[in-house]
PDB file of all heavy atoms in Angstrom:
ATOM      1  N   ALA A   1     -46.282 -18.732  -0.486  1.00  0.00           N
ATOM      2  CA  ALA A   1     -47.412 -18.446   0.394  1.00  0.00           C
ATOM      3  C   ALA A   1     -48.654 -19.115  -0.196  1.00  0.00           C
ATOM      4  O   ALA A   1     -48.923 -19.018  -1.388  1.00  0.00           O
ATOM      5  CB  ALA A   1     -47.619 -16.942   0.521  1.00  0.00           C
ATOM      6  N   ALA A   2     -49.407 -19.773   0.634  1.00  0.00           N
ATOM      7  CA  ALA A   2     -50.483 -20.665   0.182  1.00  0.00           C
ATOM      8  C   ALA A   2     -51.539 -20.028  -0.709  1.00  0.00           C
ATOM      9  O   ALA A   2     -52.039 -20.657  -1.625  1.00  0.00           O
ATOM     10  CB  ALA A   2     -51.155 -21.300   1.395  1.00  0.00           C
ATOM     11  N   VAL A   3     -51.905 -18.767  -0.470  1.00  0.00           N
ATOM     12  CA  VAL A   3     -52.995 -18.178  -1.247  1.00  0.00           C
ATOM     13  C   VAL A   3     -52.540 -16.981  -2.082  1.00  0.00           C
ATOM     14  O   VAL A   3     -53.362 -16.207  -2.553  1.00  0.00           O
ATOM     15  CB  VAL A   3     -54.161 -17.747  -0.314  1.00  0.00           C
ATOM     16  CG1 VAL A   3     -54.800 -18.957   0.311  1.00  0.00           C
ATOM     17  CG2 VAL A   3     -53.686 -16.770   0.748  1.00  0.00           C
ATOM     18  N   LEU A   4     -51.246 -16.834  -2.291  1.00  0.00           N
ATOM     19  CA  LEU A   4     -50.727 -15.688  -3.027  1.00  0.00           C
ATOM     20  C   LEU A   4     -51.226 -15.695  -4.472  1.00  0.00           C
ATOM     21  O   LEU A   4     -51.113 -16.693  -5.176  1.00  0.00           O
ATOM     22  CB  LEU A   4     -49.193 -15.717  -3.003  1.00  0.00           C
ATOM     23  CG  LEU A   4     -48.494 -14.389  -3.287  1.00  0.00           C
ATOM     24  CD1 LEU A   4     -48.829 -13.368  -2.213  1.00  0.00           C
ATOM     25  CD2 LEU A   4     -46.996 -14.593  -3.346  1.00  0.00           C
ATOM     26  N   LYS A   5     -51.795 -14.556  -4.907  1.00  0.00           N
ATOM     27  CA  LYS A   5     -52.326 -14.416  -6.266  1.00  0.00           C
ATOM     28  C   LYS A   5     -51.444 -13.508  -7.121  1.00  0.00           C
ATOM     29  O   LYS A   5     -51.251 -13.763  -8.293  1.00  0.00           O
ATOM     30  CB  LYS A   5     -53.742 -13.842  -6.238  1.00  0.00           C
ATOM     31  CG  LYS A   5     -54.736 -14.673  -5.453  1.00  0.00           C
ATOM     32  CD  LYS A   5     -55.046 -15.976  -6.137  1.00  0.00           C
ATOM     33  CE  LYS A   5     -56.133 -16.734  -5.367  1.00  0.00           C
ATOM     34  NZ  LYS A   5     -56.363 -18.061  -5.899  1.00  0.00           N
ATOM     35  N   THR A   6     -50.971 -12.394  -6.548  1.00  0.00           N
ATOM     36  CA  THR A   6     -50.105 -11.482  -7.296  1.00  0.00           C
ATOM     37  C   THR A   6     -48.865 -11.151  -6.476  1.00  0.00           C
ATOM     38  O   THR A   6     -48.947 -10.957  -5.257  1.00  0.00           O
ATOM     39  CB  THR A   6     -50.826 -10.162  -7.665  1.00  0.00           C
ATOM     40  OG1 THR A   6     -51.209  -9.473  -6.471  1.00  0.00           O
ATOM     41  CG2 THR A   6     -52.041 -10.422  -8.522  1.00  0.00           C
ATOM     42  N   PHE A   7     -47.739 -11.093  -7.159  1.00  0.00           N
ATOM     43  CA  PHE A   7     -46.462 -10.856  -6.500  1.00  0.00           C
ATOM     44  C   PHE A   7     -45.627  -9.982  -7.428  1.00  0.00           C
ATOM     45  O   PHE A   7     -45.298 -10.394  -8.536  1.00  0.00           O
ATOM     46  CB  PHE A   7     -45.778 -12.203  -6.236  1.00  0.00           C
ATOM     47  CG  PHE A   7     -44.471 -12.122  -5.506  1.00  0.00           C
ATOM     48  CD1 PHE A   7     -44.169 -11.056  -4.679  1.00  0.00           C
ATOM     49  CD2 PHE A   7     -43.538 -13.132  -5.644  1.00  0.00           C
ATOM     50  CE1 PHE A   7     -42.966 -10.998  -4.000  1.00  0.00           C
ATOM     51  CE2 PHE A   7     -42.331 -13.092  -4.972  1.00  0.00           C
ATOM     52  CZ  PHE A   7     -42.044 -12.023  -4.146  1.00  0.00           C
ATOM     53  N   SER A   8     -45.326  -8.764  -6.997  1.00  0.00           N
ATOM     54  CA  SER A   8     -44.595  -7.822  -7.849  1.00  0.00           C
ATOM     55  C   SER A   8     -43.231  -7.479  -7.256  1.00  0.00           C
ATOM     56  O   SER A   8     -43.129  -7.109  -6.087  1.00  0.00           O
ATOM     57  CB  SER A   8     -45.394  -6.520  -8.008  1.00  0.00           C
ATOM     58  OG  SER A   8     -46.652  -6.772  -8.578  1.00  0.00           O
ATOM     59  N   ILE A   9     -42.195  -7.632  -8.084  1.00  0.00           N
ATOM     60  CA  ILE A   9     -40.844  -7.239  -7.707  1.00  0.00           C
ATOM     61  C   ILE A   9     -40.252  -6.464  -8.874  1.00  0.00           C
ATOM     62  O   ILE A   9     -40.812  -6.445  -9.966  1.00  0.00           O
ATOM     63  CB  ILE A   9     -39.954  -8.461  -7.366  1.00  0.00           C
ATOM     64  CG1 ILE A   9     -39.929  -9.442  -8.545  1.00  0.00           C
ATOM     65  CG2 ILE A   9     -40.400  -9.118  -6.094  1.00  0.00           C
ATOM     66  CD1 ILE A   9     -38.994 -10.601  -8.344  1.00  0.00           C
ATOM     67  N   GLU A  10     -39.107  -5.821  -8.651  1.00  0.00           N
ATOM     68  CA  GLU A  10     -38.578  -4.965  -9.699  1.00  0.00           C
ATOM     69  C   GLU A  10     -37.071  -4.809  -9.596  1.00  0.00           C
ATOM     70  O   GLU A  10     -36.478  -5.025  -8.553  1.00  0.00           O
ATOM     71  CB  GLU A  10     -39.263  -3.594  -9.573  1.00  0.00           C
ATOM     72  CG  GLU A  10     -38.420  -2.414  -9.900  1.00  0.00           C
ATOM     73  CD  GLU A  10     -39.120  -1.099  -9.655  1.00  0.00           C
ATOM     74  OE1 GLU A  10     -39.195  -0.665  -8.502  1.00  0.00           O
ATOM     75  OE2 GLU A  10     -39.570  -0.513 -10.626  1.00  0.00           O
ATOM     76  N   GLY A  11     -36.492  -4.388 -10.695  1.00  0.00           N
ATOM     77  CA  GLY A  11     -35.106  -3.932 -10.725  1.00  0.00           C
ATOM     78  C   GLY A  11     -34.077  -5.036 -10.586  1.00  0.00           C
ATOM     79  O   GLY A  11     -34.231  -6.132 -11.078  1.00  0.00           O
ATOM     80  N   GLU A  12     -33.024  -4.701  -9.866  1.00  0.00           N
ATOM     81  CA  GLU A  12     -31.872  -5.579  -9.748  1.00  0.00           C
ATOM     82  C   GLU A  12     -31.967  -6.523  -8.559  1.00  0.00           C
ATOM     83  O   GLU A  12     -30.970  -6.862  -7.942  1.00  0.00           O
ATOM     84  CB  GLU A  12     -30.591  -4.727  -9.624  1.00  0.00           C
ATOM     85  CG  GLU A  12     -30.344  -3.825 -10.819  1.00  0.00           C
ATOM     86  CD  GLU A  12     -30.181  -4.601 -12.104  1.00  0.00           C
ATOM     87  OE1 GLU A  12     -29.525  -5.655 -12.069  1.00  0.00           O
ATOM     88  OE2 GLU A  12     -30.708  -4.166 -13.131  1.00  0.00           O
ATOM     89  N   THR A  13     -33.171  -6.916  -8.216  1.00  0.00           N
ATOM     90  CA  THR A  13     -33.356  -7.856  -7.121  1.00  0.00           C
ATOM     91  C   THR A  13     -32.557  -9.128  -7.403  1.00  0.00           C
ATOM     92  O   THR A  13     -32.533  -9.621  -8.521  1.00  0.00           O
ATOM     93  CB  THR A  13     -34.847  -8.218  -6.962  1.00  0.00           C
ATOM     94  OG1 THR A  13     -35.574  -7.005  -6.771  1.00  0.00           O
ATOM     95  CG2 THR A  13     -35.068  -9.127  -5.782  1.00  0.00           C
ATOM     96  N   ILE A  14     -31.897  -9.645  -6.357  1.00  0.00           N
ATOM     97  CA  ILE A  14     -31.061 -10.836  -6.517  1.00  0.00           C
ATOM     98  C   ILE A  14     -31.963 -12.049  -6.669  1.00  0.00           C
ATOM     99  O   ILE A  14     -32.390 -12.655  -5.706  1.00  0.00           O
ATOM    100  CB  ILE A  14     -30.151 -11.019  -5.285  1.00  0.00           C
ATOM    101  CG1 ILE A  14     -29.365  -9.728  -5.017  1.00  0.00           C
ATOM    102  CG2 ILE A  14     -29.195 -12.171  -5.480  1.00  0.00           C
ATOM    103  CD1 ILE A  14     -28.688  -9.704  -3.660  1.00  0.00           C
ATOM    104  N   LEU A  15     -32.295 -12.370  -7.906  1.00  0.00           N
ATOM    105  CA  LEU A  15     -33.260 -13.430  -8.173  1.00  0.00           C
ATOM    106  C   LEU A  15     -32.680 -14.427  -9.159  1.00  0.00           C
ATOM    107  O   LEU A  15     -32.309 -14.081 -10.263  1.00  0.00           O
ATOM    108  CB  LEU A  15     -34.540 -12.808  -8.750  1.00  0.00           C
ATOM    109  CG  LEU A  15     -35.665 -13.744  -9.116  1.00  0.00           C
ATOM    110  CD1 LEU A  15     -36.183 -14.440  -7.872  1.00  0.00           C
ATOM    111  CD2 LEU A  15     -36.783 -12.972  -9.800  1.00  0.00           C
ATOM    112  N   HIS A  16     -32.573 -15.655  -8.741  1.00  0.00           N
ATOM    113  CA  HIS A  16     -32.061 -16.709  -9.615  1.00  0.00           C
ATOM    114  C   HIS A  16     -33.220 -17.411 -10.307  1.00  0.00           C
ATOM    115  O   HIS A  16     -34.296 -17.564  -9.741  1.00  0.00           O
ATOM    116  CB  HIS A  16     -31.243 -17.716  -8.798  1.00  0.00           C
ATOM    117  CG  HIS A  16     -30.041 -17.098  -8.166  1.00  0.00           C
ATOM    118  ND1 HIS A  16     -28.942 -16.707  -8.876  1.00  0.00           N
ATOM    119  CD2 HIS A  16     -29.795 -16.765  -6.872  1.00  0.00           C
ATOM    120  CE1 HIS A  16     -28.051 -16.177  -8.049  1.00  0.00           C
ATOM    121  NE2 HIS A  16     -28.549 -16.194  -6.840  1.00  0.00           N
ATOM    122  N   PRO A  17     -33.040 -17.857 -11.537  1.00  0.00           N
ATOM    123  CA  PRO A  17     -34.119 -18.500 -12.293  1.00  0.00           C
ATOM    124  C   PRO A  17     -34.767 -19.666 -11.566  1.00  0.00           C
ATOM    125  O   PRO A  17     -35.947 -19.921 -11.717  1.00  0.00           O
ATOM    126  CB  PRO A  17     -33.422 -18.969 -13.569  1.00  0.00           C
ATOM    127  CG  PRO A  17     -32.240 -18.074 -13.706  1.00  0.00           C
ATOM    128  CD  PRO A  17     -31.799 -17.770 -12.302  1.00  0.00           C
ATOM    129  N   ALA A  18     -33.999 -20.376 -10.774  1.00  0.00           N
ATOM    130  CA  ALA A  18     -34.539 -21.560 -10.095  1.00  0.00           C
ATOM    131  C   ALA A  18     -35.510 -21.208  -8.969  1.00  0.00           C
ATOM    132  O   ALA A  18     -36.214 -22.059  -8.458  1.00  0.00           O
ATOM    133  CB  ALA A  18     -33.399 -22.403  -9.530  1.00  0.00           C
ATOM    134  N   THR A  19     -35.550 -19.921  -8.581  1.00  0.00           N
ATOM    135  CA  THR A  19     -36.436 -19.523  -7.493  1.00  0.00           C
ATOM    136  C   THR A  19     -37.890 -19.769  -7.839  1.00  0.00           C
ATOM    137  O   THR A  19     -38.684 -20.207  -7.032  1.00  0.00           O
ATOM    138  CB  THR A  19     -36.241 -18.030  -7.170  1.00  0.00           C
ATOM    139  OG1 THR A  19     -34.877 -17.817  -6.808  1.00  0.00           O
ATOM    140  CG2 THR A  19     -37.122 -17.605  -6.010  1.00  0.00           C
ATOM    141  N   PHE A  20     -38.253 -19.454  -9.077  1.00  0.00           N
ATOM    142  CA  PHE A  20     -39.627 -19.639  -9.520  1.00  0.00           C
ATOM    143  C   PHE A  20     -39.659 -20.661 -10.643  1.00  0.00           C
ATOM    144  O   PHE A  20     -38.884 -20.573 -11.584  1.00  0.00           O
ATOM    145  CB  PHE A  20     -40.211 -18.311 -10.025  1.00  0.00           C
ATOM    146  CG  PHE A  20     -40.265 -17.275  -8.970  1.00  0.00           C
ATOM    147  CD1 PHE A  20     -39.284 -16.293  -8.899  1.00  0.00           C
ATOM    148  CD2 PHE A  20     -41.272 -17.271  -8.028  1.00  0.00           C
ATOM    149  CE1 PHE A  20     -39.321 -15.327  -7.906  1.00  0.00           C
ATOM    150  CE2 PHE A  20     -41.327 -16.310  -7.041  1.00  0.00           C
ATOM    151  CZ  PHE A  20     -40.337 -15.336  -6.982  1.00  0.00           C
ATOM    152  N   HIS A  21     -40.544 -21.630 -10.547  1.00  0.00           N
ATOM    153  CA  HIS A  21     -40.672 -22.653 -11.569  1.00  0.00           C
ATOM    154  C   HIS A  21     -41.890 -22.320 -12.417  1.00  0.00           C
ATOM    155  O   HIS A  21     -43.019 -22.432 -11.969  1.00  0.00           O
ATOM    156  CB  HIS A  21     -40.834 -24.031 -10.917  1.00  0.00           C
ATOM    157  CG  HIS A  21     -39.702 -24.355 -10.003  1.00  0.00           C
ATOM    158  ND1 HIS A  21     -38.416 -24.536 -10.443  1.00  0.00           N
ATOM    159  CD2 HIS A  21     -39.668 -24.513  -8.662  1.00  0.00           C
ATOM    160  CE1 HIS A  21     -37.631 -24.809  -9.415  1.00  0.00           C
ATOM    161  NE2 HIS A  21     -38.370 -24.787  -8.324  1.00  0.00           N
ATOM    162  N   PHE A  22     -41.664 -21.861 -13.625  1.00  0.00           N
ATOM    163  CA  PHE A  22     -42.751 -21.393 -14.465  1.00  0.00           C
ATOM    164  C   PHE A  22     -43.531 -22.535 -15.101  1.00  0.00           C
ATOM    165  O   PHE A  22     -42.959 -23.523 -15.538  1.00  0.00           O
ATOM    166  CB  PHE A  22     -42.205 -20.456 -15.550  1.00  0.00           C
ATOM    167  CG  PHE A  22     -41.667 -19.178 -14.979  1.00  0.00           C
ATOM    168  CD1 PHE A  22     -40.320 -19.042 -14.675  1.00  0.00           C
ATOM    169  CD2 PHE A  22     -42.530 -18.132 -14.712  1.00  0.00           C
ATOM    170  CE1 PHE A  22     -39.839 -17.866 -14.129  1.00  0.00           C
ATOM    171  CE2 PHE A  22     -42.054 -16.949 -14.164  1.00  0.00           C
ATOM    172  CZ  PHE A  22     -40.714 -16.822 -13.880  1.00  0.00           C
ATOM    173  N   PRO A  23     -44.857 -22.374 -15.181  1.00  0.00           N
ATOM    174  CA  PRO A  23     -45.724 -23.409 -15.752  1.00  0.00           C
ATOM    175  C   PRO A  23     -45.343 -23.790 -17.172  1.00  0.00           C
ATOM    176  O   PRO A  23     -45.564 -24.912 -17.585  1.00  0.00           O
ATOM    177  CB  PRO A  23     -47.111 -22.744 -15.716  1.00  0.00           C
ATOM    178  CG  PRO A  23     -47.022 -21.754 -14.605  1.00  0.00           C
ATOM    179  CD  PRO A  23     -45.613 -21.243 -14.651  1.00  0.00           C
ATOM    180  N   SER A  24     -44.774 -22.853 -17.928  1.00  0.00           N
ATOM    181  CA  SER A  24     -44.421 -23.147 -19.314  1.00  0.00           C
ATOM    182  C   SER A  24     -43.359 -24.241 -19.405  1.00  0.00           C
ATOM    183  O   SER A  24     -43.186 -24.867 -20.428  1.00  0.00           O
ATOM    184  CB  SER A  24     -43.914 -21.874 -20.012  1.00  0.00           C
ATOM    185  OG  SER A  24     -42.767 -21.389 -19.338  1.00  0.00           O
ATOM    186  N   HIS A  25     -42.640 -24.465 -18.319  1.00  0.00           N
ATOM    187  CA  HIS A  25     -41.632 -25.514 -18.287  1.00  0.00           C
ATOM    188  C   HIS A  25     -42.179 -26.792 -17.671  1.00  0.00           C
ATOM    189  O   HIS A  25     -41.430 -27.699 -17.330  1.00  0.00           O
ATOM    190  CB  HIS A  25     -40.404 -25.051 -17.497  1.00  0.00           C
ATOM    191  CG  HIS A  25     -39.712 -23.892 -18.149  1.00  0.00           C
ATOM    192  ND1 HIS A  25     -39.278 -22.804 -17.442  1.00  0.00           N
ATOM    193  CD2 HIS A  25     -39.402 -23.652 -19.448  1.00  0.00           C
ATOM    194  CE1 HIS A  25     -38.721 -21.941 -18.273  1.00  0.00           C
ATOM    195  NE2 HIS A  25     -38.783 -22.421 -19.486  1.00  0.00           N
ATOM    196  N   GLY A  26     -43.493 -26.827 -17.497  1.00  0.00           N
ATOM    197  CA  GLY A  26     -44.115 -28.027 -16.956  1.00  0.00           C
ATOM    198  C   GLY A  26     -44.006 -28.159 -15.455  1.00  0.00           C
ATOM    199  O   GLY A  26     -44.296 -29.206 -14.900  1.00  0.00           O
ATOM    200  N   ARG A  27     -43.611 -27.075 -14.762  1.00  0.00           N
ATOM    201  CA  ARG A  27     -43.504 -27.126 -13.310  1.00  0.00           C
ATOM    202  C   ARG A  27     -44.427 -26.094 -12.690  1.00  0.00           C
ATOM    203  O   ARG A  27     -44.714 -25.068 -13.284  1.00  0.00           O
ATOM    204  CB  ARG A  27     -42.055 -26.876 -12.881  1.00  0.00           C
ATOM    205  CG  ARG A  27     -41.120 -28.018 -13.273  1.00  0.00           C
ATOM    206  CD  ARG A  27     -39.685 -27.662 -13.001  1.00  0.00           C
ATOM    207  NE  ARG A  27     -39.230 -26.644 -13.947  1.00  0.00           N
ATOM    208  CZ  ARG A  27     -37.992 -26.182 -13.965  1.00  0.00           C
ATOM    209  NH1 ARG A  27     -37.104 -26.621 -13.106  1.00  0.00           N
ATOM    210  NH2 ARG A  27     -37.644 -25.253 -14.837  1.00  0.00           N
ATOM    211  N   LYS A  28     -44.853 -26.346 -11.483  1.00  0.00           N
ATOM    212  CA  LYS A  28     -45.797 -25.464 -10.818  1.00  0.00           C
ATOM    213  C   LYS A  28     -45.080 -24.237 -10.272  1.00  0.00           C
ATOM    214  O   LYS A  28     -43.994 -24.344  -9.708  1.00  0.00           O
ATOM    215  CB  LYS A  28     -46.474 -26.228  -9.675  1.00  0.00           C
ATOM    216  CG  LYS A  28     -47.760 -25.588  -9.219  1.00  0.00           C
ATOM    217  CD  LYS A  28     -48.463 -26.509  -8.231  1.00  0.00           C
ATOM    218  CE  LYS A  28     -49.787 -25.922  -7.807  1.00  0.00           C
ATOM    219  NZ  LYS A  28     -50.465 -26.757  -6.832  1.00  0.00           N
ATOM    220  N   LEU A  29     -45.722 -23.071 -10.409  1.00  0.00           N
ATOM    221  CA  LEU A  29     -45.110 -21.836  -9.943  1.00  0.00           C
ATOM    222  C   LEU A  29     -45.117 -21.738  -8.428  1.00  0.00           C
ATOM    223  O   LEU A  29     -44.166 -21.309  -7.818  1.00  0.00           O
ATOM    224  CB  LEU A  29     -45.856 -20.646 -10.557  1.00  0.00           C
ATOM    225  CG  LEU A  29     -45.334 -19.252 -10.257  1.00  0.00           C
ATOM    226  CD1 LEU A  29     -43.875 -19.160 -10.661  1.00  0.00           C
ATOM    227  CD2 LEU A  29     -46.139 -18.205 -10.979  1.00  0.00           C
ATOM    228  N   CYS A  30     -46.214 -22.117  -7.819  1.00  0.00           N
ATOM    229  CA  CYS A  30     -46.293 -22.109  -6.362  1.00  0.00           C
ATOM    230  C   CYS A  30     -47.500 -22.927  -5.948  1.00  0.00           C
ATOM    231  O   CYS A  30     -48.216 -23.450  -6.778  1.00  0.00           O
ATOM    232  CB  CYS A  30     -46.400 -20.681  -5.817  1.00  0.00           C
ATOM    233  SG  CYS A  30     -48.037 -19.993  -6.001  1.00  0.00           S
ATOM    234  N   THR A  31     -47.742 -22.998  -4.630  1.00  0.00           N
ATOM    235  CA  THR A  31     -48.855 -23.798  -4.151  1.00  0.00           C
ATOM    236  C   THR A  31     -50.191 -23.108  -4.361  1.00  0.00           C
ATOM    237  O   THR A  31     -51.217 -23.740  -4.350  1.00  0.00           O
ATOM    238  CB  THR A  31     -48.679 -24.117  -2.654  1.00  0.00           C
ATOM    239  OG1 THR A  31     -48.534 -22.875  -1.949  1.00  0.00           O
ATOM    240  CG2 THR A  31     -47.460 -24.975  -2.430  1.00  0.00           C
ATOM    241  N   GLY A  32     -50.178 -21.782  -4.541  1.00  0.00           N
ATOM    242  CA  GLY A  32     -51.427 -21.059  -4.761  1.00  0.00           C
ATOM    243  C   GLY A  32     -51.832 -21.114  -6.216  1.00  0.00           C
ATOM    244  O   GLY A  32     -51.010 -20.911  -7.103  1.00  0.00           O
ATOM    245  N   PRO A  33     -53.121 -21.381  -6.530  1.00  0.00           N
ATOM    246  CA  PRO A  33     -53.552 -21.463  -7.924  1.00  0.00           C
ATOM    247  C   PRO A  33     -53.579 -20.094  -8.598  1.00  0.00           C
ATOM    248  O   PRO A  33     -53.999 -19.119  -7.988  1.00  0.00           O
ATOM    249  CB  PRO A  33     -54.974 -22.033  -7.797  1.00  0.00           C
ATOM    250  CG  PRO A  33     -55.425 -21.606  -6.437  1.00  0.00           C
ATOM    251  CD  PRO A  33     -54.198 -21.615  -5.576  1.00  0.00           C
ATOM    252  N   GLY A  34     -53.119 -20.030  -9.806  1.00  0.00           N
ATOM    253  CA  GLY A  34     -53.236 -18.811 -10.599  1.00  0.00           C
ATOM    254  C   GLY A  34     -52.377 -17.652 -10.152  1.00  0.00           C
ATOM    255  O   GLY A  34     -52.787 -16.514 -10.264  1.00  0.00           O
ATOM    256  N   LEU A  35     -51.215 -17.888  -9.623  1.00  0.00           N
ATOM    257  CA  LEU A  35     -50.330 -16.806  -9.192  1.00  0.00           C
ATOM    258  C   LEU A  35     -49.889 -15.971 -10.366  1.00  0.00           C
ATOM    259  O   LEU A  35     -49.489 -16.482 -11.402  1.00  0.00           O
ATOM    260  CB  LEU A  35     -49.098 -17.366  -8.482  1.00  0.00           C
ATOM    261  CG  LEU A  35     -48.018 -16.335  -8.099  1.00  0.00           C
ATOM    262  CD1 LEU A  35     -48.555 -15.393  -7.030  1.00  0.00           C
ATOM    263  CD2 LEU A  35     -46.771 -17.026  -7.616  1.00  0.00           C
TER     264      LEU A  35
END
C-alpha cells in the first residue's frame, strides 16, 4: 500500500520470507517510506 507506515501481524500467519524484502538485505520493504 502506497502510504503504509505501520503494519502489525501475529502468530502462525502463513508468511513466507520472500513476502517482505527487508532493507538490511539491500532491498526495499515497500513503496511507502519508513514502513
